[in-house]
Amino acid sequence: MNKDKNKMKAIRIHQTGGPDMMSLEDVTLPPAPAGHVTIAHTAIGVNYIDTYHRSGLYPVQLPSGLGMEAAGVVEAVGEGVTGLKVGDRVAYGSGPIGAYAAANNVTASRAVKLPDGVSDEAAAAMMLKGMTAQFLLRQTYVVKPGDTILWHAAAGGVGLIATQWARHLGATVIGTVGSEEKAVLARAHGCDHVINYRTENVPERVKEITGGKKLPVVYDGVGKDTFLMSLDCLAPRGLLVSFGNASGPVTGVDLGILAAKGSLYVTRPTMFHYTATDAEFQAVAKDLFDVVASGHVKIDIGQRYKLADAAQAHRDLESRKTTGPTILIP
């Protein structure tokens, strides 16, 4: 970032739509307000929620930046900040929107110091995805030793973290993927069983794997295309955790289907409601850092793009060409 004029490069959208709506522009970053720090980015995380903001599925005020997570170095400290200082390596994973940029102003209490064992790239790749995995596995449904769980899109950014973590928690992990290449990746990251949803009947395979018992929980970040399939994998009184819309949002559901399929539960959680307070946020981040530092969860970067190529990163993500976490380099 140009310190003299606070000028920097950033991705902006002026209207919602496809990846072509994104442009790299010169913008001015104001000085860090009270309670905030200015973070000069070294690596930026790309997440599916970014495509929702860009497309208009999740409304944003236009014109808008994009991106919710990044890692870097504290460049300036606003009034009243005591826990961080210039030069600290930090990461954030819950916004504010605008991470697709050379720098961002972030609430100090929502920036986390990076331990020596976690690189900037790993932190940028794991904050939002890893914290999502934490609240899903440790809070939305508390995975216990002996559980058998299903994770859709097991070779995706959240999936590769979550399946390792679930295996560490003592679960038997079933993952769904769309190709043999992704099946190999999923097996290498904690999946005991992998189902190719393009060539196999997922509910039937789940019945085979579980001896007909089916599952206490299904984690579904895909949405429309997998909703009914997910319900058919659940045991009576099982829980569907629908946490994303990669194939489009789930709409027009007749609640009677939950009764017919076994008095099932469905929840649609978001990280915001699990990290509403600073204490909750820091606790979720600490749990993530601890499991990564222990070596039980490894962060393998799948793709790196230049900031200027953010639109291509979105195209690849939405067409399911990516595997694992994607980052931008400013």
Foldseek 3Di string as FASTA:
>chain_A
DPPVQQWWWFWKAQDAAALVRIAIDIDHADQAAAQKFKFQFQKAFDDPVQNCPRRVVPDDDPGFGAGFKTWGFGCGHHPPDDPDDGGFTWMAGGDDGTRLIRIHIDRPLRIGGDDPVADRHLRNQQQNLVLVLLCVCPPPDPQAAPFEEEEEPLQEANNLQNLLVSVVRRYAYEYEDADPVSVVSSVVRHHPHYHRVVPDQVLVVLCVVVVNQFHQEYEAAQADVCVVSRLSRHHAQHEYEHAHHLPHHHDDDDVVVCVVSHVYHYDHDDVCVQCVDSVSSVVSVVVSSVCVVVVSGDADEFEEEASRCVSVVSVCVSVVVTGHIYMYGD
